[in-house]
């Protein structure tokens, strides 16, 4: 949770620099960058899928959850949060980001019995 968010938060300035550099390079360099980014995304999706499968094995994740699709959704959420941080829309506070993401994923957004408004 917090480690992933912190890594994303720390990468904000790097991503902005990469975008700036990529706009001034040739198509071959851009293509290599896209291939590397795609590979990184696939690795991250695989890691999230493995974590969900491990959670199923420990009884912490619903056994009927489609792990690859859920992993892709989690990665998409993290990517979007990263962009929010990178462009200054959300404060780079890894603990707060991790808490909010884990809470949203674990409990959803609906008020349930026992919650206080």
PDB file of N, CA and C in Angstrom:
ATOM      1  N   UNK A   1       0.805  -1.188   0.000  1.00  0.00           N
ATOM      2  CA  UNK A   1       0.000   0.000   0.000  1.00  0.00           C
ATOM      3  C   UNK A   1       0.843   1.245   0.000  1.00  0.00           C
ATOM      4  N   UNK A   2       1.396   1.623   1.151  1.00  0.00           N
ATOM      5  CA  UNK A   2       2.126   2.888   1.267  1.00  0.00           C
ATOM      6  C   UNK A   2       3.382   2.877   0.400  1.00  0.00           C
ATOM      7  N   UNK A   3       4.065   1.736   0.321  1.00  0.00           N
ATOM      8  CA  UNK A   3       5.282   1.664  -0.485  1.00  0.00           C
ATOM      9  C   UNK A   3       5.009   1.917  -1.952  1.00  0.00           C
ATOM     10  N   UNK A   4       3.931   1.341  -2.469  1.00  0.00           N
ATOM     11  CA  UNK A   4       3.563   1.555  -3.872  1.00  0.00           C
ATOM     12  C   UNK A   4       3.227   3.017  -4.095  1.00  0.00           C
ATOM     13  N   UNK A   5       2.415   3.594  -3.211  1.00  0.00           N
ATOM     14  CA  UNK A   5       2.032   4.995  -3.367  1.00  0.00           C
ATOM     15  C   UNK A   5       3.241   5.907  -3.251  1.00  0.00           C
ATOM     16  N   UNK A   6       4.143   5.609  -2.353  1.00  0.00           N
ATOM     17  CA  UNK A   6       5.334   6.443  -2.195  1.00  0.00           C
ATOM     18  C   UNK A   6       6.188   6.372  -3.457  1.00  0.00           C
ATOM     19  N   UNK A   7       6.356   5.184  -4.004  1.00  0.00           N
ATOM     20  CA  UNK A   7       7.138   5.037  -5.232  1.00  0.00           C
ATOM     21  C   UNK A   7       6.508   5.830  -6.360  1.00  0.00           C
ATOM     22  N   UNK A   8       5.188   5.773  -6.474  1.00  0.00           N
ATOM     23  CA  UNK A   8       4.501   6.552  -7.502  1.00  0.00           C
ATOM     24  C   UNK A   8       4.697   8.041  -7.255  1.00  0.00           C
ATOM     25  N   UNK A   9       4.561   8.454  -6.006  1.00  0.00           N
ATOM     26  CA  UNK A   9       4.708   9.866  -5.680  1.00  0.00           C
ATOM     27  C   UNK A   9       6.099  10.385  -5.992  1.00  0.00           C
ATOM     28  N   UNK A  10       7.118   9.608  -5.675  1.00  0.00           N
ATOM     29  CA  UNK A  10       8.494  10.022  -5.922  1.00  0.00           C
ATOM     30  C   UNK A  10       8.815  10.044  -7.409  1.00  0.00           C
ATOM     31  N   UNK A  11       8.078   9.300  -8.200  1.00  0.00           N
ATOM     32  CA  UNK A  11       8.336   9.245  -9.637  1.00  0.00           C
ATOM     33  C   UNK A  11       7.688  10.408 -10.392  1.00  0.00           C
ATOM     34  N   UNK A  12       6.936  11.247  -9.718  1.00  0.00           N
ATOM     35  CA  UNK A  12       6.202  12.318 -10.400  1.00  0.00           C
ATOM     36  C   UNK A  12       7.121  13.223 -11.213  1.00  0.00           C
ATOM     37  N   UNK A  13       8.189  13.719 -10.611  1.00  0.00           N
ATOM     38  CA  UNK A  13       9.075  14.627 -11.335  1.00  0.00           C
ATOM     39  C   UNK A  13       9.809  13.904 -12.453  1.00  0.00           C
ATOM     40  N   UNK A  14      10.134  12.638 -12.241  1.00  0.00           N
ATOM     41  CA  UNK A  14      10.795  11.853 -13.277  1.00  0.00           C
ATOM     42  C   UNK A  14       9.874  11.700 -14.484  1.00  0.00           C
ATOM     43  N   UNK A  15       8.604  11.407 -14.240  1.00  0.00           N
ATOM     44  CA  UNK A  15       7.649  11.234 -15.337  1.00  0.00           C
ATOM     45  C   UNK A  15       7.497  12.519 -16.132  1.00  0.00           C
ATOM     46  N   UNK A  16       7.435  13.641 -15.438  1.00  0.00           N
ATOM     47  CA  UNK A  16       7.317  14.919 -16.139  1.00  0.00           C
ATOM     48  C   UNK A  16       8.543  15.163 -17.017  1.00  0.00           C
ATOM     49  N   UNK A  17       9.725  14.824 -16.507  1.00  0.00           N
ATOM     50  CA  UNK A  17      10.947  14.996 -17.288  1.00  0.00           C
ATOM     51  C   UNK A  17      10.965  14.060 -18.494  1.00  0.00           C
ATOM     52  N   UNK A  18      10.519  12.818 -18.302  1.00  0.00           N
ATOM     53  CA  UNK A  18      10.479  11.852 -19.406  1.00  0.00           C
ATOM     54  C   UNK A  18       9.550  12.330 -20.504  1.00  0.00           C
ATOM     55  N   UNK A  19       8.384  12.831 -20.126  1.00  0.00           N
ATOM     56  CA  UNK A  19       7.446  13.350 -21.129  1.00  0.00           C
ATOM     57  C   UNK A  19       8.082  14.500 -21.889  1.00  0.00           C
ATOM     58  N   UNK A  20       8.758  15.394 -21.177  1.00  0.00           N
ATOM     59  CA  UNK A  20       9.412  16.530 -21.822  1.00  0.00           C
ATOM     60  C   UNK A  20      10.482  16.066 -22.810  1.00  0.00           C
ATOM     61  N   UNK A  21      11.275  15.073 -22.400  1.00  0.00           N
ATOM     62  CA  UNK A  21      12.331  14.564 -23.272  1.00  0.00           C
ATOM     63  C   UNK A  21      11.732  13.843 -24.479  1.00  0.00           C
ATOM     64  N   UNK A  22      10.709  13.039 -24.248  1.00  0.00           N
ATOM     65  CA  UNK A  22      10.122  12.235 -25.328  1.00  0.00           C
ATOM     66  C   UNK A  22       9.468  13.085 -26.405  1.00  0.00           C
ATOM     67  N   UNK A  23       9.037  14.268 -26.057  1.00  0.00           N
ATOM     68  CA  UNK A  23       8.418  15.108 -27.077  1.00  0.00           C
ATOM     69  C   UNK A  23       9.449  15.644 -28.053  1.00  0.00           C
ATOM     70  N   UNK A  24      10.742  15.575 -27.685  1.00  0.00           N
ATOM     71  CA  UNK A  24      11.787  16.081 -28.558  1.00  0.00           C
ATOM     72  C   UNK A  24      12.644  15.001 -29.186  1.00  0.00           C
ATOM     73  N   UNK A  25      12.255  13.742 -29.093  1.00  0.00           N
ATOM     74  CA  UNK A  25      13.066  12.658 -29.649  1.00  0.00           C
ATOM     75  C   UNK A  25      12.371  12.040 -30.850  1.00  0.00           C
ATOM     76  N   UNK A  26      13.115  11.225 -31.567  1.00  0.00           N
ATOM     77  CA  UNK A  26      12.577  10.567 -32.748  1.00  0.00           C
ATOM     78  C   UNK A  26      11.623   9.439 -32.414  1.00  0.00           C
ATOM     79  N   UNK A  27      10.960   8.926 -33.439  1.00  0.00           N
ATOM     80  CA  UNK A  27       9.942   7.893 -33.238  1.00  0.00           C
ATOM     81  C   UNK A  27      10.542   6.585 -32.736  1.00  0.00           C
ATOM     82  N   UNK A  28      11.789   6.273 -33.115  1.00  0.00           N
ATOM     83  CA  UNK A  28      12.412   5.028 -32.645  1.00  0.00           C
ATOM     84  C   UNK A  28      12.603   5.062 -31.128  1.00  0.00           C
ATOM     85  N   UNK A  29      13.052   6.179 -30.599  1.00  0.00           N
ATOM     86  CA  UNK A  29      13.231   6.316 -29.155  1.00  0.00           C
ATOM     87  C   UNK A  29      11.894   6.265 -28.447  1.00  0.00           C
ATOM     88  N   UNK A  30      10.906   6.944 -29.010  1.00  0.00           N
ATOM     89  CA  UNK A  30       9.558   6.898 -28.425  1.00  0.00           C
ATOM     90  C   UNK A  30       9.036   5.473 -28.416  1.00  0.00           C
ATOM     91  N   UNK A  31       9.222   4.742 -29.494  1.00  0.00           N
ATOM     92  CA  UNK A  31       8.750   3.359 -29.576  1.00  0.00           C
ATOM     93  C   UNK A  31       9.427   2.483 -28.524  1.00  0.00           C
ATOM     94  N   UNK A  32      10.723   2.678 -28.318  1.00  0.00           N
ATOM     95  CA  UNK A  32      11.436   1.911 -27.283  1.00  0.00           C
ATOM     96  C   UNK A  32      10.896   2.252 -25.901  1.00  0.00           C
ATOM     97  N   UNK A  33      10.641   3.546 -25.664  1.00  0.00           N
ATOM     98  CA  UNK A  33      10.094   3.971 -24.382  1.00  0.00           C
ATOM     99  C   UNK A  33       8.722   3.348 -24.158  1.00  0.00           C
ATOM    100  N   UNK A  34       7.881   3.359 -25.178  1.00  0.00           N
ATOM    101  CA  UNK A  34       6.542   2.767 -25.054  1.00  0.00           C
ATOM    102  C   UNK A  34       6.648   1.277 -24.770  1.00  0.00           C
ATOM    103  N   UNK A  35       7.567   0.588 -25.440  1.00  0.00           N
ATOM    104  CA  UNK A  35       7.748  -0.851 -25.209  1.00  0.00           C
ATOM    105  C   UNK A  35       8.204  -1.116 -23.772  1.00  0.00           C
ATOM    106  N   UNK A  36       9.131  -0.288 -23.264  1.00  0.00           N
ATOM    107  CA  UNK A  36       9.607  -0.465 -21.891  1.00  0.00           C
ATOM    108  C   UNK A  36       8.487  -0.176 -20.901  1.00  0.00           C
ATOM    109  N   UNK A  37       7.706   0.867 -21.151  1.00  0.00           N
ATOM    110  CA  UNK A  37       6.601   1.208 -20.260  1.00  0.00           C
ATOM    111  C   UNK A  37       5.542   0.105 -20.270  1.00  0.00           C
ATOM    112  N   UNK A  38       5.287  -0.455 -21.442  1.00  0.00           N
ATOM    113  CA  UNK A  38       4.314  -1.543 -21.554  1.00  0.00           C
ATOM    114  C   UNK A  38       4.786  -2.769 -20.775  1.00  0.00           C
ATOM    115  N   UNK A  39       6.076  -3.074 -20.873  1.00  0.00           N
ATOM    116  CA  UNK A  39       6.641  -4.203 -20.138  1.00  0.00           C
ATOM    117  C   UNK A  39       6.536  -3.969 -18.629  1.00  0.00           C
ATOM    118  N   UNK A  40       6.836  -2.765 -18.192  1.00  0.00           N
ATOM    119  CA  UNK A  40       6.724  -2.431 -16.776  1.00  0.00           C
ATOM    120  C   UNK A  40       5.279  -2.580 -16.293  1.00  0.00           C
ATOM    121  N   UNK A  41       4.341  -2.119 -17.113  1.00  0.00           N
ATOM    122  CA  UNK A  41       2.921  -2.232 -16.767  1.00  0.00           C
ATOM    123  C   UNK A  41       2.514  -3.704 -16.654  1.00  0.00           C
ATOM    124  N   UNK A  42       2.966  -4.533 -17.587  1.00  0.00           N
ATOM    125  CA  UNK A  42       2.647  -5.959 -17.547  1.00  0.00           C
ATOM    126  C   UNK A  42       3.217  -6.612 -16.289  1.00  0.00           C
ATOM    127  N   UNK A  43       4.438  -6.222 -15.912  1.00  0.00           N
ATOM    128  CA  UNK A  43       5.042  -6.763 -14.695  1.00  0.00           C
ATOM    129  C   UNK A  43       4.248  -6.347 -13.458  1.00  0.00           C
ATOM    130  N   UNK A  44       3.831  -5.081 -13.428  1.00  0.00           N
ATOM    131  CA  UNK A  44       3.067  -4.586 -12.282  1.00  0.00           C
ATOM    132  C   UNK A  44       1.706  -5.272 -12.209  1.00  0.00           C
ATOM    133  N   UNK A  45       1.043  -5.456 -13.366  1.00  0.00           N
ATOM    134  CA  UNK A  45      -0.231  -6.178 -13.380  1.00  0.00           C
ATOM    135  C   UNK A  45      -0.043  -7.605 -12.868  1.00  0.00           C
ATOM    136  N   UNK A  46       1.054  -8.239 -13.299  1.00  0.00           N
ATOM    137  CA  UNK A  46       1.343  -9.593 -12.831  1.00  0.00           C
ATOM    138  C   UNK A  46       1.562  -9.648 -11.329  1.00  0.00           C
ATOM    139  N   UNK A  47       2.281  -8.673 -10.797  1.00  0.00           N
ATOM    140  CA  UNK A  47       2.512  -8.604  -9.360  1.00  0.00           C
ATOM    141  C   UNK A  47       1.191  -8.448  -8.609  1.00  0.00           C
ATOM    142  N   UNK A  48       0.326  -7.561  -9.086  1.00  0.00           N
ATOM    143  CA  UNK A  48      -0.965  -7.354  -8.422  1.00  0.00           C
ATOM    144  C   UNK A  48      -1.825  -8.621  -8.522  1.00  0.00           C
ATOM    145  N   UNK A  49      -1.799  -9.283  -9.665  1.00  0.00           N
ATOM    146  CA  UNK A  49      -2.553 -10.532  -9.824  1.00  0.00           C
ATOM    147  C   UNK A  49      -2.047 -11.567  -8.824  1.00  0.00           C
ATOM    148  N   UNK A  50      -0.728 -11.685  -8.706  1.00  0.00           N
ATOM    149  CA  UNK A  50      -0.149 -12.633  -7.746  1.00  0.00           C
ATOM    150  C   UNK A  50      -0.558 -12.304  -6.319  1.00  0.00           C
ATOM    151  N   UNK A  51      -0.561 -11.027  -5.967  1.00  0.00           N
ATOM    152  CA  UNK A  51      -0.968 -10.629  -4.619  1.00  0.00           C
ATOM    153  C   UNK A  51      -2.426 -11.007  -4.349  1.00  0.00           C
ATOM    154  N   UNK A  52      -3.286 -10.789  -5.334  1.00  0.00           N
ATOM    155  CA  UNK A  52      -4.696 -11.156  -5.167  1.00  0.00           C
ATOM    156  C   UNK A  52      -4.851 -12.671  -5.039  1.00  0.00           C
ATOM    157  N   UNK A  53      -4.120 -13.414  -5.842  1.00  0.00           N
ATOM    158  CA  UNK A  53      -4.184 -14.879  -5.762  1.00  0.00           C
ATOM    159  C   UNK A  53      -3.675 -15.368  -4.413  1.00  0.00           C
ATOM    160  N   UNK A  54      -2.609 -14.759  -3.910  1.00  0.00           N
ATOM    161  CA  UNK A  54      -2.111 -15.109  -2.581  1.00  0.00           C
ATOM    162  C   UNK A  54      -3.181 -14.814  -1.526  1.00  0.00           C
ATOM    163  N   UNK A  55      -3.861 -13.683  -1.686  1.00  0.00           N
ATOM    164  CA  UNK A  55      -4.939 -13.324  -0.761  1.00  0.00           C
ATOM    165  C   UNK A  55      -6.073 -14.328  -0.798  1.00  0.00           C
ATOM    166  N   UNK A  56      -6.365 -14.856  -1.978  1.00  0.00           N
ATOM    167  CA  UNK A  56      -7.392 -15.901  -2.089  1.00  0.00           C
ATOM    168  C   UNK A  56      -6.963 -17.126  -1.286  1.00  0.00           C
ATOM    169  N   UNK A  57      -5.694 -17.495  -1.436  1.00  0.00           N
ATOM    170  CA  UNK A  57      -5.174 -18.662  -0.733  1.00  0.00           C
ATOM    171  C   UNK A  57      -5.220 -18.515   0.781  1.00  0.00           C
ATOM    172  N   UNK A  58      -5.119 -17.284   1.267  1.00  0.00           N
ATOM    173  CA  UNK A  58      -5.177 -17.023   2.714  1.00  0.00           C
ATOM    174  C   UNK A  58      -6.592 -16.725   3.194  1.00  0.00           C
ATOM    175  N   UNK A  59      -7.552 -16.737   2.277  1.00  0.00           N
ATOM    176  CA  UNK A  59      -8.934 -16.461   2.659  1.00  0.00           C
ATOM    177  C   UNK A  59      -9.228 -14.984   2.875  1.00  0.00           C
ATOM    178  N   UNK A  60      -8.375 -14.101   2.363  1.00  0.00           N
ATOM    179  CA  UNK A  60      -8.566 -12.658   2.536  1.00  0.00           C
ATOM    180  C   UNK A  60      -9.209 -11.998   1.324  1.00  0.00           C
ATOM    181  N   UNK A  61      -9.265 -12.716   0.217  1.00  0.00           N
ATOM    182  CA  UNK A  61      -9.839 -12.199  -1.030  1.00  0.00           C
ATOM    183  C   UNK A  61     -10.891 -13.185  -1.500  1.00  0.00           C
ATOM    184  N   UNK A  62     -12.009 -12.645  -1.973  1.00  0.00           N
ATOM    185  CA  UNK A  62     -13.089 -13.515  -2.460  1.00  0.00           C
ATOM    186  C   UNK A  62     -12.571 -14.498  -3.506  1.00  0.00           C
ATOM    187  N   UNK A  63     -12.932 -15.771  -3.370  1.00  0.00           N
ATOM    188  CA  UNK A  63     -12.431 -16.772  -4.318  1.00  0.00           C
ATOM    189  C   UNK A  63     -12.975 -16.591  -5.732  1.00  0.00           C
ATOM    190  N   UNK A  64     -14.107 -15.917  -5.890  1.00  0.00           N
ATOM    191  CA  UNK A  64     -14.694 -15.745  -7.217  1.00  0.00           C
ATOM    192  C   UNK A  64     -14.191 -14.495  -7.941  1.00  0.00           C
ATOM    193  N   UNK A  65     -13.302 -13.718  -7.311  1.00  0.00           N
ATOM    194  CA  UNK A  65     -12.781 -12.499  -7.921  1.00  0.00           C
ATOM    195  C   UNK A  65     -11.941 -12.842  -9.146  1.00  0.00           C
ATOM    196  N   UNK A  66     -12.160 -12.142 -10.245  1.00  0.00           N
ATOM    197  CA  UNK A  66     -11.359 -12.303 -11.458  1.00  0.00           C
ATOM    198  C   UNK A  66     -10.053 -11.536 -11.236  1.00  0.00           C
ATOM    199  N   UNK A  67      -9.035 -12.229 -10.755  1.00  0.00           N
ATOM    200  CA  UNK A  67      -7.798 -11.573 -10.323  1.00  0.00           C
ATOM    201  C   UNK A  67      -7.121 -10.736 -11.404  1.00  0.00           C
ATOM    202  N   UNK A  68      -6.973 -11.227 -12.642  1.00  0.00           N
ATOM    203  CA  UNK A  68      -6.315 -10.386 -13.657  1.00  0.00           C
ATOM    204  C   UNK A  68      -7.075  -9.087 -13.941  1.00  0.00           C
ATOM    205  N   UNK A  69      -8.400  -9.152 -13.996  1.00  0.00           N
ATOM    206  CA  UNK A  69      -9.184  -7.944 -14.251  1.00  0.00           C
ATOM    207  C   UNK A  69      -9.153  -7.024 -13.040  1.00  0.00           C
ATOM    208  N   UNK A  70      -9.274  -7.582 -11.854  1.00  0.00           N
ATOM    209  CA  UNK A  70      -9.203  -6.771 -10.635  1.00  0.00           C
ATOM    210  C   UNK A  70      -7.822  -6.122 -10.510  1.00  0.00           C
ATOM    211  N   UNK A  71      -6.781  -6.871 -10.845  1.00  0.00           N
ATOM    212  CA  UNK A  71      -5.423  -6.315 -10.800  1.00  0.00           C
ATOM    213  C   UNK A  71      -5.292  -5.148 -11.768  1.00  0.00           C
ATOM    214  N   UNK A  72      -5.831  -5.306 -12.970  1.00  0.00           N
ATOM    215  CA  UNK A  72      -5.780  -4.216 -13.954  1.00  0.00           C
ATOM    216  C   UNK A  72      -6.528  -2.986 -13.441  1.00  0.00           C
ATOM    217  N   UNK A  73      -7.650  -3.196 -12.766  1.00  0.00           N
ATOM    218  CA  UNK A  73      -8.411  -2.078 -12.204  1.00  0.00           C
ATOM    219  C   UNK A  73      -7.626  -1.383 -11.095  1.00  0.00           C
ATOM    220  N   UNK A  74      -6.949  -2.152 -10.259  1.00  0.00           N
ATOM    221  CA  UNK A  74      -6.144  -1.570  -9.182  1.00  0.00           C
ATOM    222  C   UNK A  74      -4.981  -0.770  -9.771  1.00  0.00           C
ATOM    223  N   UNK A  75      -4.322  -1.339 -10.772  1.00  0.00           N
ATOM    224  CA  UNK A  75      -3.214  -0.633 -11.416  1.00  0.00           C
ATOM    225  C   UNK A  75      -3.724   0.655 -12.067  1.00  0.00           C
ATOM    226  N   UNK A  76      -4.894   0.590 -12.692  1.00  0.00           N
ATOM    227  CA  UNK A  76      -5.470   1.798 -13.300  1.00  0.00           C
ATOM    228  C   UNK A  76      -5.742   2.862 -12.240  1.00  0.00           C
ATOM    229  N   UNK A  77      -6.238   2.444 -11.085  1.00  0.00           N
ATOM    230  CA  UNK A  77      -6.479   3.383  -9.993  1.00  0.00           C
ATOM    231  C   UNK A  77      -5.164   4.016  -9.527  1.00  0.00           C
ATOM    232  N   UNK A  78      -4.130   3.193  -9.364  1.00  0.00           N
ATOM    233  CA  UNK A  78      -2.829   3.708  -8.946  1.00  0.00           C
ATOM    234  C   UNK A  78      -2.231   4.641 -10.003  1.00  0.00           C
ATOM    235  N   UNK A  79      -2.372   4.272 -11.287  1.00  0.00           N
ATOM    236  CA  UNK A  79      -1.883   5.131 -12.361  1.00  0.00           C
ATOM    237  C   UNK A  79      -2.578   6.487 -12.346  1.00  0.00           C
ATOM    238  N   UNK A  80      -3.889   6.460 -12.175  1.00  0.00           N
ATOM    239  CA  UNK A  80      -4.644   7.710 -12.141  1.00  0.00           C
ATOM    240  C   UNK A  80      -4.254   8.546 -10.922  1.00  0.00           C
ATOM    241  N   UNK A  81      -4.045   7.903  -9.791  1.00  0.00           N
ATOM    242  CA  UNK A  81      -3.627   8.628  -8.597  1.00  0.00           C
ATOM    243  C   UNK A  81      -2.245   9.242  -8.817  1.00  0.00           C
ATOM    244  N   UNK A  82      -1.365   8.473  -9.458  1.00  0.00           N
ATOM    245  CA  UNK A  82      -0.035   8.984  -9.767  1.00  0.00           C
ATOM    246  C   UNK A  82      -0.130  10.252 -10.614  1.00  0.00           C
ATOM    247  N   UNK A  83      -0.980  10.236 -11.622  1.00  0.00           N
ATOM    248  CA  UNK A  83      -1.137  11.423 -12.463  1.00  0.00           C
ATOM    249  C   UNK A  83      -1.669  12.601 -11.663  1.00  0.00           C
ATOM    250  N   UNK A  84      -2.591  12.324 -10.746  1.00  0.00           N
ATOM    251  CA  UNK A  84      -3.117  13.392  -9.894  1.00  0.00           C
ATOM    252  C   UNK A  84      -1.991  14.023  -9.071  1.00  0.00           C
ATOM    253  N   UNK A  85      -1.092  13.192  -8.554  1.00  0.00           N
ATOM    254  CA  UNK A  85       0.047  13.697  -7.786  1.00  0.00           C
ATOM    255  C   UNK A  85       1.015  14.426  -8.713  1.00  0.00           C
ATOM    256  N   UNK A  86       1.334  13.809  -9.851  1.00  0.00           N
ATOM    257  CA  UNK A  86       2.318  14.379 -10.776  1.00  0.00           C
ATOM    258  C   UNK A  86       1.922  15.766 -11.247  1.00  0.00           C
ATOM    259  N   UNK A  87       0.637  15.996 -11.421  1.00  0.00           N
ATOM    260  CA  UNK A  87       0.180  17.286 -11.927  1.00  0.00           C
ATOM    261  C   UNK A  87      -0.355  18.199 -10.839  1.00  0.00           C
ATOM    262  N   UNK A  88      -0.057  17.853  -9.596  1.00  0.00           N
ATOM    263  CA  UNK A  88      -0.362  18.744  -8.489  1.00  0.00           C
ATOM    264  C   UNK A  88      -1.819  18.826  -8.079  1.00  0.00           C
ATOM    265  N   UNK A  89      -2.638  17.881  -8.507  1.00  0.00           N
ATOM    266  CA  UNK A  89      -4.053  17.897  -8.146  1.00  0.00           C
ATOM    267  C   UNK A  89      -4.297  17.322  -6.755  1.00  0.00           C
ATOM    268  N   UNK A  90      -3.386  16.449  -6.319  1.00  0.00           N
ATOM    269  CA  UNK A  90      -3.475  15.800  -5.020  1.00  0.00           C
ATOM    270  C   UNK A  90      -2.103  15.924  -4.359  1.00  0.00           C
ATOM    271  N   UNK A  91      -2.095  16.215  -3.072  1.00  0.00           N
ATOM    272  CA  UNK A  91      -0.834  16.332  -2.330  1.00  0.00           C
ATOM    273  C   UNK A  91      -0.109  14.990  -2.303  1.00  0.00           C
ATOM    274  N   UNK A  92       1.201  15.029  -2.435  1.00  0.00           N
ATOM    275  CA  UNK A  92       2.017  13.810  -2.399  1.00  0.00           C
ATOM    276  C   UNK A  92       2.231  13.401  -0.948  1.00  0.00           C
ATOM    277  N   UNK A  93       1.232  12.722  -0.396  1.00  0.00           N
ATOM    278  CA  UNK A  93       1.265  12.236   0.984  1.00  0.00           C
ATOM    279  C   UNK A  93       1.034  10.726   0.920  1.00  0.00           C
ATOM    280  N   UNK A  94       2.125   9.929   0.800  1.00  0.00           N
ATOM    281  CA  UNK A  94       1.989   8.492   0.582  1.00  0.00           C
ATOM    282  C   UNK A  94       1.107   7.784   1.602  1.00  0.00           C
ATOM    283  N   UNK A  95       1.225   8.123   2.873  1.00  0.00           N
ATOM    284  CA  UNK A  95       0.416   7.445   3.893  1.00  0.00           C
ATOM    285  C   UNK A  95      -1.068   7.731   3.679  1.00  0.00           C
ATOM    286  N   UNK A  96      -1.396   8.975   3.407  1.00  0.00           N
ATOM    287  CA  UNK A  96      -2.801   9.347   3.177  1.00  0.00           C
ATOM    288  C   UNK A  96      -3.345   8.691   1.911  1.00  0.00           C
ATOM    289  N   UNK A  97      -2.538   8.685   0.848  1.00  0.00           N
ATOM    290  CA  UNK A  97      -2.957   8.057  -0.409  1.00  0.00           C
ATOM    291  C   UNK A  97      -3.196   6.559  -0.208  1.00  0.00           C
ATOM    292  N   UNK A  98      -2.253   5.892   0.454  1.00  0.00           N
ATOM    293  CA  UNK A  98      -2.378   4.453   0.678  1.00  0.00           C
ATOM    294  C   UNK A  98      -3.611   4.143   1.514  1.00  0.00           C
ATOM    295  N   UNK A  99      -3.834   4.923   2.556  1.00  0.00           N
ATOM    296  CA  UNK A  99      -5.003   4.701   3.421  1.00  0.00           C
ATOM    297  C   UNK A  99      -6.292   4.847   2.629  1.00  0.00           C
ATOM    298  N   UNK A 100      -6.375   5.898   1.826  1.00  0.00           N
ATOM    299  CA  UNK A 100      -7.599   6.130   1.047  1.00  0.00           C
ATOM    300  C   UNK A 100      -7.835   5.030   0.016  1.00  0.00           C
ATOM    301  N   UNK A 101      -6.778   4.606  -0.659  1.00  0.00           N
ATOM    302  CA  UNK A 101      -6.919   3.576  -1.693  1.00  0.00           C
ATOM    303  C   UNK A 101      -7.302   2.239  -1.070  1.00  0.00           C
ATOM    304  N   UNK A 102      -6.612   1.863  -0.012  1.00  0.00           N
ATOM    305  CA  UNK A 102      -6.915   0.591   0.645  1.00  0.00           C
ATOM    306  C   UNK A 102      -8.335   0.613   1.207  1.00  0.00           C
ATOM    307  N   UNK A 103      -8.735   1.725   1.800  1.00  0.00           N
ATOM    308  CA  UNK A 103     -10.090   1.845   2.341  1.00  0.00           C
ATOM    309  C   UNK A 103     -11.131   1.744   1.230  1.00  0.00           C
ATOM    310  N   UNK A 104     -10.908   2.444   0.134  1.00  0.00           N
ATOM    311  CA  UNK A 104     -11.855   2.400  -0.986  1.00  0.00           C
ATOM    312  C   UNK A 104     -11.961   0.998  -1.564  1.00  0.00           C
ATOM    313  N   UNK A 105     -10.820   0.354  -1.766  1.00  0.00           N
ATOM    314  CA  UNK A 105     -10.841  -0.995  -2.334  1.00  0.00           C
ATOM    315  C   UNK A 105     -11.427  -2.017  -1.364  1.00  0.00           C
ATOM    316  N   UNK A 106     -11.126  -1.857  -0.079  1.00  0.00           N
ATOM    317  CA  UNK A 106     -11.573  -2.847   0.905  1.00  0.00           C
ATOM    318  C   UNK A 106     -13.005  -2.675   1.359  1.00  0.00           C
ATOM    319  N   UNK A 107     -13.446  -1.428   1.494  1.00  0.00           N
ATOM    320  CA  UNK A 107     -14.789  -1.185   2.041  1.00  0.00           C
ATOM    321  C   UNK A 107     -15.735  -0.549   1.049  1.00  0.00           C
ATOM    322  N   UNK A 108     -15.227  -0.039  -0.042  1.00  0.00           N
ATOM    323  CA  UNK A 108     -16.081   0.646  -0.999  1.00  0.00           C
ATOM    324  C   UNK A 108     -16.383   2.059  -0.533  1.00  0.00           C
ATOM    325  N   UNK A 109     -17.389   2.657  -1.135  1.00  0.00           N
ATOM    326  CA  UNK A 109     -17.721   4.044  -0.810  1.00  0.00           C
ATOM    327  C   UNK A 109     -19.073   4.196  -0.127  1.00  0.00           C
ATOM    328  N   UNK A 110     -19.811   3.122   0.004  1.00  0.00           N
ATOM    329  CA  UNK A 110     -21.135   3.193   0.611  1.00  0.00           C
ATOM    330  C   UNK A 110     -21.055   3.136   2.138  1.00  0.00           C
ATOM    331  N   UNK A 111     -21.958   3.872   2.776  1.00  0.00           N
ATOM    332  CA  UNK A 111     -22.067   3.825   4.215  1.00  0.00           C
ATOM    333  C   UNK A 111     -22.670   2.466   4.587  1.00  0.00           C
ATOM    334  N   UNK A 112     -22.066   1.807   5.559  1.00  0.00           N
ATOM    335  CA  UNK A 112     -22.597   0.529   6.021  1.00  0.00           C
ATOM    336  C   UNK A 112     -22.919   0.624   7.500  1.00  0.00           C
ATOM    337  N   UNK A 113     -23.628  -0.363   7.984  1.00  0.00           N
ATOM    338  CA  UNK A 113     -23.986  -0.381   9.390  1.00  0.00           C
ATOM    339  C   UNK A 113     -22.742  -0.275  10.255  1.00  0.00           C
ATOM    340  N   UNK A 114     -22.784   0.583  11.238  1.00  0.00           N
ATOM    341  CA  UNK A 114     -21.656   0.775  12.126  1.00  0.00           C
ATOM    342  C   UNK A 114     -20.803   1.974  11.755  1.00  0.00           C
ATOM    343  N   UNK A 115     -20.944   2.494  10.517  1.00  0.00           N
ATOM    344  CA  UNK A 115     -20.199   3.692  10.144  1.00  0.00           C
ATOM    345  C   UNK A 115     -20.856   4.913  10.768  1.00  0.00           C
ATOM    346  N   UNK A 116     -20.048   5.870  11.104  1.00  0.00           N
ATOM    347  CA  UNK A 116     -20.592   7.115  11.628  1.00  0.00           C
ATOM    348  C   UNK A 116     -20.501   8.172  10.552  1.00  0.00           C
ATOM    349  N   UNK A 117     -21.595   8.882  10.339  1.00  0.00           N
ATOM    350  CA  UNK A 117     -21.589   9.897   9.263  1.00  0.00           C
ATOM    351  C   UNK A 117     -20.693  11.079   9.587  1.00  0.00           C
TER     352      UNK A 117
END
